[in-house]
N, C-alpha and C. Protein backbone atom coordinates (compact mmCIF):
# COMPACT_ATOMS: atom_id res chain seq x y z
N MET A 1 0.86 -1.18 0.00
CA MET A 1 0.00 0.00 0.00
C MET A 1 0.90 1.24 0.00
N ASN A 2 0.79 2.03 -1.04
CA ASN A 2 1.61 3.23 -1.15
C ASN A 2 0.81 4.41 -0.60
N VAL A 3 1.23 4.95 0.52
CA VAL A 3 0.49 6.03 1.15
C VAL A 3 1.47 7.07 1.70
N HIS A 4 1.10 8.30 1.51
CA HIS A 4 1.88 9.41 2.07
C HIS A 4 1.15 9.88 3.33
N VAL A 5 1.85 9.88 4.46
CA VAL A 5 1.26 10.29 5.73
C VAL A 5 1.96 11.56 6.19
N ARG A 6 1.16 12.54 6.58
CA ARG A 6 1.76 13.74 7.17
C ARG A 6 0.96 14.14 8.39
N SER A 7 1.59 14.85 9.26
CA SER A 7 0.90 15.31 10.46
C SER A 7 1.32 16.75 10.73
N PHE A 8 0.45 17.45 11.42
CA PHE A 8 0.74 18.84 11.79
C PHE A 8 -0.12 19.23 12.98
N PHE A 9 0.39 20.18 13.73
CA PHE A 9 -0.35 20.73 14.87
C PHE A 9 -1.06 22.00 14.43
N VAL A 10 -2.21 22.26 15.02
CA VAL A 10 -2.89 23.53 14.83
C VAL A 10 -3.03 24.17 16.22
N LYS A 11 -2.79 25.47 16.27
CA LYS A 11 -2.78 26.17 17.55
C LYS A 11 -4.16 26.67 17.93
N ASP A 12 -4.33 26.83 19.21
CA ASP A 12 -5.51 27.48 19.76
C ASP A 12 -5.58 28.87 19.13
N ASP A 13 -6.70 29.20 18.50
CA ASP A 13 -6.77 30.50 17.84
C ASP A 13 -7.55 31.53 18.65
N GLY A 14 -7.86 31.19 19.90
CA GLY A 14 -8.61 32.11 20.73
C GLY A 14 -10.11 31.91 20.63
N GLU A 15 -10.56 31.26 19.58
CA GLU A 15 -11.99 30.99 19.41
C GLU A 15 -12.29 29.49 19.40
N VAL A 16 -11.40 28.72 18.79
CA VAL A 16 -11.53 27.26 18.84
C VAL A 16 -10.25 26.72 19.47
N PRO A 17 -10.38 25.75 20.38
CA PRO A 17 -9.20 25.32 21.13
C PRO A 17 -8.20 24.49 20.35
N ASN A 18 -8.67 23.70 19.39
CA ASN A 18 -7.82 22.72 18.72
C ASN A 18 -7.25 21.77 19.77
N ASN A 19 -6.18 21.10 19.49
CA ASN A 19 -5.64 20.14 20.47
C ASN A 19 -4.17 20.46 20.71
N PRO A 20 -3.81 20.81 21.94
CA PRO A 20 -2.43 21.20 22.22
C PRO A 20 -1.44 20.05 22.25
N GLU A 21 -1.92 18.80 22.33
CA GLU A 21 -1.02 17.66 22.51
C GLU A 21 -0.93 16.71 21.32
N LEU A 22 -1.97 16.67 20.49
CA LEU A 22 -2.02 15.67 19.43
C LEU A 22 -2.14 16.32 18.06
N PRO A 23 -1.37 15.84 17.08
CA PRO A 23 -1.44 16.43 15.74
C PRO A 23 -2.59 15.85 14.90
N VAL A 24 -3.00 16.62 13.92
CA VAL A 24 -3.87 16.13 12.85
C VAL A 24 -3.02 15.18 12.01
N ILE A 25 -3.61 14.08 11.56
CA ILE A 25 -2.89 13.15 10.70
C ILE A 25 -3.66 13.02 9.39
N VAL A 26 -2.93 13.11 8.28
CA VAL A 26 -3.51 12.99 6.94
C VAL A 26 -2.86 11.81 6.22
N TYR A 27 -3.69 10.86 5.80
CA TYR A 27 -3.23 9.72 5.03
C TYR A 27 -3.68 9.96 3.59
N ASN A 28 -2.80 10.49 2.76
CA ASN A 28 -3.15 10.79 1.38
C ASN A 28 -3.23 9.50 0.55
N GLY A 29 -4.39 9.29 -0.07
CA GLY A 29 -4.56 8.19 -1.01
C GLY A 29 -4.57 6.80 -0.44
N VAL A 30 -4.67 6.64 0.86
CA VAL A 30 -4.57 5.32 1.47
C VAL A 30 -5.68 4.37 0.99
N PHE A 31 -6.85 4.89 0.65
CA PHE A 31 -7.94 4.07 0.14
C PHE A 31 -8.29 4.43 -1.30
N ALA A 32 -7.34 4.97 -2.04
CA ALA A 32 -7.61 5.38 -3.42
C ALA A 32 -8.09 4.22 -4.29
N ASP A 33 -7.57 3.02 -4.04
CA ASP A 33 -7.97 1.85 -4.83
C ASP A 33 -9.24 1.19 -4.33
N ASP A 34 -9.68 1.52 -3.12
CA ASP A 34 -10.88 0.89 -2.55
C ASP A 34 -11.60 1.83 -1.58
N PRO A 35 -12.11 2.96 -2.07
CA PRO A 35 -12.78 3.89 -1.16
C PRO A 35 -14.03 3.31 -0.49
N ASN A 36 -14.60 2.28 -1.09
CA ASN A 36 -15.76 1.65 -0.45
C ASN A 36 -15.36 0.78 0.74
N GLY A 37 -14.06 0.59 0.95
CA GLY A 37 -13.58 -0.18 2.08
C GLY A 37 -13.31 0.65 3.33
N LEU A 38 -13.54 1.94 3.26
CA LEU A 38 -13.27 2.83 4.41
C LEU A 38 -14.01 2.41 5.67
N GLU A 39 -15.32 2.30 5.56
CA GLU A 39 -16.13 2.03 6.75
C GLU A 39 -15.77 0.70 7.39
N ALA A 40 -15.59 -0.32 6.59
CA ALA A 40 -15.24 -1.65 7.13
C ALA A 40 -13.89 -1.60 7.84
N ALA A 41 -12.93 -0.89 7.27
CA ALA A 41 -11.61 -0.77 7.92
C ALA A 41 -11.72 -0.03 9.24
N PHE A 42 -12.42 1.09 9.24
CA PHE A 42 -12.58 1.85 10.48
C PHE A 42 -13.23 0.96 11.55
N ASN A 43 -14.33 0.31 11.18
CA ASN A 43 -15.05 -0.51 12.14
C ASN A 43 -14.20 -1.68 12.64
N ARG A 44 -13.45 -2.29 11.75
CA ARG A 44 -12.58 -3.41 12.11
C ARG A 44 -11.53 -2.97 13.15
N HIS A 45 -11.15 -1.70 13.09
CA HIS A 45 -10.13 -1.18 14.01
C HIS A 45 -10.74 -0.42 15.19
N HIS A 46 -12.02 -0.68 15.45
CA HIS A 46 -12.75 -0.14 16.62
C HIS A 46 -13.01 1.36 16.55
N TRP A 47 -13.04 1.90 15.34
CA TRP A 47 -13.51 3.27 15.14
C TRP A 47 -14.91 3.08 14.53
N THR A 48 -15.92 3.22 15.37
CA THR A 48 -17.28 2.85 14.98
C THR A 48 -18.22 4.05 15.13
N GLY A 49 -19.52 3.75 15.16
CA GLY A 49 -20.50 4.84 15.17
C GLY A 49 -20.45 5.57 13.84
N SER A 50 -20.13 4.82 12.78
CA SER A 50 -19.87 5.45 11.49
C SER A 50 -21.12 6.04 10.85
N TRP A 51 -20.87 7.01 10.01
CA TRP A 51 -21.91 7.73 9.28
C TRP A 51 -21.36 8.12 7.93
N GLU A 52 -22.23 8.49 7.02
CA GLU A 52 -21.79 8.98 5.70
C GLU A 52 -22.49 10.28 5.40
N GLY A 53 -21.81 11.13 4.67
CA GLY A 53 -22.37 12.44 4.32
C GLY A 53 -21.28 13.42 3.98
N GLY A 54 -21.50 14.67 4.35
CA GLY A 54 -20.55 15.72 4.04
C GLY A 54 -19.89 16.24 5.31
N VAL A 55 -19.25 17.38 5.18
CA VAL A 55 -18.63 18.07 6.31
C VAL A 55 -19.33 19.41 6.43
N PHE A 56 -19.70 19.80 7.65
CA PHE A 56 -20.39 21.07 7.85
C PHE A 56 -19.58 22.22 7.25
N ASP A 57 -20.28 23.25 6.79
CA ASP A 57 -19.61 24.41 6.19
C ASP A 57 -19.41 25.54 7.19
N TYR A 58 -19.27 25.20 8.45
CA TYR A 58 -18.95 26.16 9.50
C TYR A 58 -17.96 25.48 10.47
N HIS A 59 -17.15 26.30 11.15
CA HIS A 59 -16.20 25.76 12.12
C HIS A 59 -16.94 25.03 13.23
N HIS A 60 -16.55 23.80 13.46
CA HIS A 60 -17.09 23.04 14.57
C HIS A 60 -16.01 22.06 15.03
N TYR A 61 -16.21 21.54 16.22
CA TYR A 61 -15.27 20.56 16.76
C TYR A 61 -15.99 19.68 17.76
N HIS A 62 -15.32 18.61 18.13
CA HIS A 62 -15.86 17.66 19.11
C HIS A 62 -14.90 17.65 20.30
N SER A 63 -15.40 18.05 21.46
CA SER A 63 -14.52 18.12 22.63
C SER A 63 -14.47 16.80 23.40
N ASN A 64 -15.35 15.86 23.05
CA ASN A 64 -15.42 14.61 23.81
C ASN A 64 -14.87 13.38 23.07
N THR A 65 -14.41 13.56 21.84
CA THR A 65 -13.89 12.42 21.09
C THR A 65 -13.03 12.87 19.91
N HIS A 66 -12.21 11.96 19.45
CA HIS A 66 -11.47 12.15 18.20
C HIS A 66 -12.39 11.74 17.06
N GLU A 67 -12.02 12.10 15.82
CA GLU A 67 -12.84 11.76 14.66
C GLU A 67 -11.95 11.37 13.48
N VAL A 68 -12.39 10.37 12.73
CA VAL A 68 -11.73 10.03 11.48
C VAL A 68 -12.71 10.32 10.35
N LEU A 69 -12.21 10.92 9.28
CA LEU A 69 -13.00 11.22 8.09
C LEU A 69 -12.28 10.61 6.89
N GLY A 70 -12.96 9.73 6.18
CA GLY A 70 -12.40 9.12 4.98
C GLY A 70 -13.21 9.56 3.77
N VAL A 71 -12.54 10.01 2.73
CA VAL A 71 -13.24 10.51 1.54
C VAL A 71 -13.61 9.32 0.65
N ARG A 72 -14.92 9.05 0.56
CA ARG A 72 -15.41 7.94 -0.26
C ARG A 72 -15.54 8.35 -1.72
N SER A 73 -15.90 9.61 -1.95
CA SER A 73 -16.01 10.07 -3.34
C SER A 73 -15.83 11.58 -3.41
N GLY A 74 -15.41 12.03 -4.59
CA GLY A 74 -15.28 13.46 -4.84
C GLY A 74 -14.04 14.07 -4.21
N SER A 75 -14.12 15.38 -4.08
CA SER A 75 -13.01 16.14 -3.51
C SER A 75 -13.55 17.37 -2.80
N ALA A 76 -12.72 17.93 -1.94
CA ALA A 76 -13.13 19.12 -1.20
C ALA A 76 -11.90 19.87 -0.70
N THR A 77 -12.14 21.11 -0.35
CA THR A 77 -11.17 21.90 0.39
C THR A 77 -11.76 22.07 1.78
N VAL A 78 -11.01 21.62 2.78
CA VAL A 78 -11.45 21.79 4.16
C VAL A 78 -10.44 22.66 4.89
N LEU A 79 -10.95 23.40 5.84
CA LEU A 79 -10.11 24.25 6.68
C LEU A 79 -10.06 23.59 8.05
N VAL A 80 -8.86 23.25 8.50
CA VAL A 80 -8.66 22.56 9.76
C VAL A 80 -7.93 23.49 10.71
N GLY A 81 -8.53 23.72 11.88
CA GLY A 81 -7.84 24.52 12.90
C GLY A 81 -8.35 25.93 13.08
N GLY A 82 -9.46 26.28 12.50
CA GLY A 82 -9.98 27.64 12.62
C GLY A 82 -9.50 28.52 11.47
N ASP A 83 -9.83 29.80 11.54
CA ASP A 83 -9.52 30.72 10.43
C ASP A 83 -8.04 30.76 10.06
N ALA A 84 -7.17 30.59 11.05
CA ALA A 84 -5.72 30.63 10.78
C ALA A 84 -5.14 29.23 10.58
N GLY A 85 -6.00 28.25 10.42
CA GLY A 85 -5.54 26.87 10.28
C GLY A 85 -5.04 26.54 8.89
N GLU A 86 -5.01 25.24 8.59
CA GLU A 86 -4.51 24.76 7.30
C GLU A 86 -5.64 24.39 6.37
N ARG A 87 -5.51 24.84 5.12
CA ARG A 87 -6.44 24.42 4.06
C ARG A 87 -5.91 23.11 3.49
N LEU A 88 -6.78 22.13 3.44
CA LEU A 88 -6.39 20.83 2.90
C LEU A 88 -7.25 20.52 1.68
N GLU A 89 -6.59 20.09 0.64
CA GLU A 89 -7.28 19.59 -0.54
C GLU A 89 -7.37 18.08 -0.36
N ILE A 90 -8.58 17.56 -0.20
CA ILE A 90 -8.74 16.13 0.01
C ILE A 90 -9.54 15.54 -1.14
N THR A 91 -9.23 14.28 -1.45
CA THR A 91 -9.86 13.63 -2.59
C THR A 91 -10.12 12.16 -2.26
N THR A 92 -10.82 11.49 -3.14
CA THR A 92 -11.21 10.10 -2.93
C THR A 92 -10.04 9.26 -2.43
N GLY A 93 -10.26 8.57 -1.32
CA GLY A 93 -9.25 7.70 -0.74
C GLY A 93 -8.42 8.32 0.37
N ASP A 94 -8.51 9.63 0.55
CA ASP A 94 -7.77 10.29 1.62
C ASP A 94 -8.48 10.08 2.96
N VAL A 95 -7.71 10.08 4.04
CA VAL A 95 -8.24 9.94 5.39
C VAL A 95 -7.63 11.02 6.27
N LEU A 96 -8.49 11.70 7.05
CA LEU A 96 -8.05 12.69 8.04
C LEU A 96 -8.38 12.16 9.42
N VAL A 97 -7.44 12.25 10.34
CA VAL A 97 -7.74 11.93 11.73
C VAL A 97 -7.59 13.22 12.52
N LEU A 98 -8.70 13.62 13.14
CA LEU A 98 -8.76 14.88 13.86
C LEU A 98 -8.81 14.62 15.36
N PRO A 99 -7.81 15.08 16.10
CA PRO A 99 -7.86 14.90 17.54
C PRO A 99 -8.98 15.76 18.15
N ALA A 100 -9.50 15.31 19.28
CA ALA A 100 -10.55 16.05 19.98
C ALA A 100 -10.18 17.52 20.07
N GLY A 101 -11.16 18.38 19.80
CA GLY A 101 -10.96 19.82 19.90
C GLY A 101 -10.55 20.50 18.62
N THR A 102 -10.26 19.72 17.57
CA THR A 102 -9.77 20.30 16.32
C THR A 102 -10.92 20.81 15.45
N ALA A 103 -10.94 22.10 15.22
CA ALA A 103 -11.98 22.70 14.39
C ALA A 103 -11.80 22.28 12.94
N HIS A 104 -12.92 22.10 12.26
CA HIS A 104 -12.88 21.76 10.84
C HIS A 104 -14.16 22.23 10.18
N MET A 105 -14.03 22.56 8.89
CA MET A 105 -15.18 22.98 8.10
C MET A 105 -14.87 22.80 6.63
N LYS A 106 -15.92 22.58 5.85
CA LYS A 106 -15.78 22.47 4.40
C LYS A 106 -15.85 23.87 3.80
N LEU A 107 -14.91 24.18 2.91
CA LEU A 107 -14.94 25.45 2.19
C LEU A 107 -15.61 25.27 0.83
N THR A 108 -15.17 24.27 0.09
CA THR A 108 -15.75 23.96 -1.22
C THR A 108 -15.72 22.45 -1.41
N SER A 109 -16.56 21.97 -2.34
CA SER A 109 -16.51 20.55 -2.64
C SER A 109 -17.10 20.28 -4.01
N SER A 110 -16.74 19.14 -4.56
CA SER A 110 -17.36 18.68 -5.80
C SER A 110 -18.77 18.17 -5.45
N PRO A 111 -19.66 18.12 -6.43
CA PRO A 111 -21.04 17.67 -6.15
C PRO A 111 -21.11 16.25 -5.59
N ASP A 112 -20.16 15.42 -5.91
CA ASP A 112 -20.19 14.02 -5.46
C ASP A 112 -19.38 13.78 -4.18
N PHE A 113 -18.97 14.84 -3.49
CA PHE A 113 -18.16 14.69 -2.28
C PHE A 113 -18.94 13.97 -1.19
N GLU A 114 -18.32 12.91 -0.66
CA GLU A 114 -18.92 12.17 0.45
C GLU A 114 -17.81 11.60 1.33
N VAL A 115 -18.00 11.71 2.64
CA VAL A 115 -17.06 11.14 3.59
C VAL A 115 -17.75 10.08 4.43
N ILE A 116 -16.92 9.21 4.99
CA ILE A 116 -17.34 8.28 6.03
C ILE A 116 -16.64 8.77 7.29
N GLY A 117 -17.41 8.99 8.35
CA GLY A 117 -16.85 9.42 9.62
C GLY A 117 -17.05 8.34 10.67
N ALA A 118 -16.17 8.32 11.67
CA ALA A 118 -16.29 7.37 12.77
C ALA A 118 -15.49 7.89 13.96
N TYR A 119 -15.67 7.21 15.10
CA TYR A 119 -15.09 7.66 16.37
C TYR A 119 -14.52 6.46 17.13
N PRO A 120 -13.45 6.64 17.89
CA PRO A 120 -12.90 5.53 18.65
C PRO A 120 -13.96 4.91 19.57
N GLU A 121 -14.11 3.61 19.44
CA GLU A 121 -15.07 2.86 20.27
C GLU A 121 -16.50 3.39 20.13
N GLY A 122 -16.79 4.09 19.05
CA GLY A 122 -18.16 4.54 18.78
C GLY A 122 -18.70 5.60 19.70
N VAL A 123 -17.83 6.37 20.31
CA VAL A 123 -18.28 7.47 21.19
C VAL A 123 -19.21 8.39 20.40
N THR A 124 -20.30 8.79 20.99
CA THR A 124 -21.21 9.73 20.34
C THR A 124 -20.63 11.14 20.49
N PRO A 125 -20.33 11.79 19.36
CA PRO A 125 -19.67 13.10 19.46
C PRO A 125 -20.63 14.22 19.84
N ASN A 126 -20.10 15.18 20.58
CA ASN A 126 -20.84 16.43 20.73
C ASN A 126 -20.43 17.34 19.58
N ILE A 127 -21.14 18.40 19.39
CA ILE A 127 -20.77 19.38 18.36
C ILE A 127 -20.68 20.73 19.04
N ARG A 128 -19.48 21.28 19.00
CA ARG A 128 -19.25 22.59 19.60
C ARG A 128 -18.86 23.57 18.51
N GLU A 129 -19.29 24.81 18.70
CA GLU A 129 -18.92 25.89 17.79
C GLU A 129 -18.11 26.92 18.59
N ARG A 130 -17.70 27.97 17.92
CA ARG A 130 -16.95 29.03 18.59
C ARG A 130 -17.79 29.62 19.72
N SER A 131 -17.25 29.58 20.93
CA SER A 131 -17.97 30.15 22.06
C SER A 131 -17.00 30.37 23.22
N PRO A 132 -16.67 31.62 23.50
CA PRO A 132 -15.75 31.90 24.60
C PRO A 132 -16.28 31.40 25.95
N THR A 133 -17.59 31.36 26.12
CA THR A 133 -18.15 30.92 27.40
C THR A 133 -18.01 29.42 27.62
N ASP A 134 -17.87 28.63 26.55
CA ASP A 134 -17.74 27.18 26.67
C ASP A 134 -16.28 26.72 26.71
N ARG A 135 -15.35 27.64 26.55
CA ARG A 135 -13.93 27.27 26.40
C ARG A 135 -13.38 26.44 27.55
N THR A 136 -13.59 26.87 28.77
CA THR A 136 -13.00 26.17 29.91
C THR A 136 -13.50 24.74 29.98
N GLN A 137 -14.80 24.57 29.85
CA GLN A 137 -15.37 23.22 29.87
C GLN A 137 -14.84 22.40 28.69
N ALA A 138 -14.79 23.00 27.51
CA ALA A 138 -14.31 22.28 26.33
C ALA A 138 -12.86 21.85 26.51
N MET A 139 -12.01 22.73 27.03
CA MET A 139 -10.60 22.39 27.24
C MET A 139 -10.45 21.23 28.23
N ASN A 140 -11.24 21.24 29.29
CA ASN A 140 -11.19 20.13 30.25
C ASN A 140 -11.61 18.82 29.60
N GLU A 141 -12.64 18.87 28.78
CA GLU A 141 -13.10 17.66 28.09
C GLU A 141 -12.03 17.15 27.12
N ILE A 142 -11.44 18.05 26.36
CA ILE A 142 -10.41 17.68 25.38
C ILE A 142 -9.24 16.98 26.07
N ARG A 143 -8.78 17.53 27.18
CA ARG A 143 -7.65 16.94 27.91
C ARG A 143 -7.96 15.53 28.43
N SER A 144 -9.24 15.27 28.69
CA SER A 144 -9.60 13.96 29.28
C SER A 144 -9.90 12.87 28.24
N VAL A 145 -9.89 13.21 26.96
CA VAL A 145 -10.16 12.20 25.93
C VAL A 145 -8.92 11.31 25.79
N PRO A 146 -9.10 9.99 25.99
CA PRO A 146 -7.93 9.11 25.91
C PRO A 146 -7.44 8.92 24.47
N VAL A 147 -6.17 8.58 24.36
CA VAL A 147 -5.59 8.24 23.06
C VAL A 147 -6.16 6.86 22.67
N PRO A 148 -6.63 6.70 21.45
CA PRO A 148 -7.18 5.40 21.03
C PRO A 148 -6.12 4.31 21.06
N GLN A 149 -6.59 3.08 21.21
CA GLN A 149 -5.70 1.92 21.23
C GLN A 149 -5.32 1.45 19.83
N THR A 150 -6.06 1.93 18.82
CA THR A 150 -5.81 1.49 17.45
C THR A 150 -5.81 2.65 16.48
N ASP A 151 -5.08 2.48 15.41
CA ASP A 151 -5.06 3.41 14.29
C ASP A 151 -6.28 3.06 13.43
N PRO A 152 -7.09 4.05 12.99
CA PRO A 152 -8.30 3.72 12.23
C PRO A 152 -8.03 3.08 10.87
N VAL A 153 -6.83 3.28 10.34
CA VAL A 153 -6.48 2.74 9.02
C VAL A 153 -5.72 1.43 9.16
N PHE A 154 -4.75 1.37 10.07
CA PHE A 154 -3.85 0.23 10.15
C PHE A 154 -4.06 -0.68 11.36
N GLY A 155 -4.93 -0.31 12.27
CA GLY A 155 -5.21 -1.17 13.42
C GLY A 155 -4.21 -1.03 14.54
N GLU A 156 -3.62 -2.16 14.96
CA GLU A 156 -2.75 -2.17 16.12
C GLU A 156 -1.35 -1.63 15.85
N GLU A 157 -1.08 -1.27 14.61
CA GLU A 157 0.15 -0.60 14.23
C GLU A 157 -0.26 0.63 13.44
N GLY A 158 0.67 1.47 13.14
CA GLY A 158 0.34 2.61 12.29
C GLY A 158 0.81 3.92 12.85
N PRO A 159 0.82 4.93 11.98
CA PRO A 159 1.33 6.25 12.36
C PRO A 159 0.65 6.89 13.56
N LEU A 160 -0.65 6.69 13.71
CA LEU A 160 -1.35 7.32 14.82
C LEU A 160 -0.74 6.89 16.14
N LEU A 161 -0.41 5.63 16.29
CA LEU A 161 0.12 5.12 17.55
C LEU A 161 1.51 5.67 17.86
N ASP A 162 2.23 6.07 16.82
CA ASP A 162 3.55 6.69 17.01
C ASP A 162 3.43 8.18 17.28
N LYS A 163 2.47 8.83 16.63
CA LYS A 163 2.36 10.29 16.71
C LYS A 163 1.49 10.78 17.86
N TRP A 164 0.55 9.94 18.31
CA TRP A 164 -0.35 10.35 19.40
C TRP A 164 0.10 9.72 20.71
N VAL A 165 0.97 10.41 21.40
CA VAL A 165 1.47 9.97 22.69
C VAL A 165 1.28 11.11 23.67
N LYS A 166 0.57 10.85 24.75
CA LYS A 166 0.37 11.89 25.78
C LYS A 166 1.39 11.69 26.88
């Protein structure tokens, strides 16, 4: 499997907390040959509670869980980390792993854009938006989210287990 993996941190921008300890991980093209295999792979590696659809077009984050997004079809530009974050061009077969607290939103997409999302052990995610009054509670929740035992793409081995160490 030929895959390019990169990771990067996004800083607290004063409005969305992002994650101070864990980087965003991008697996470019990991499912390019089998995008319909995304959900089964995630579920096999205990990233469950899966859903299919798009990505909201406003900044939001989950303070109680991490999230994996796999592109099943189409392409999009997503902004990760708030207004000063990174713009990512994602396409069929790409996978993003977003640590708890990481803001994300869709900027543009092709008409056929669809992702499969899932969460470690099927945790039901909350949805938080920019709110200075919720920051303290959100930061406490983010700090308490455990590092998953498995990588959503590779299982008991993989880049996530090397890069996500608290």
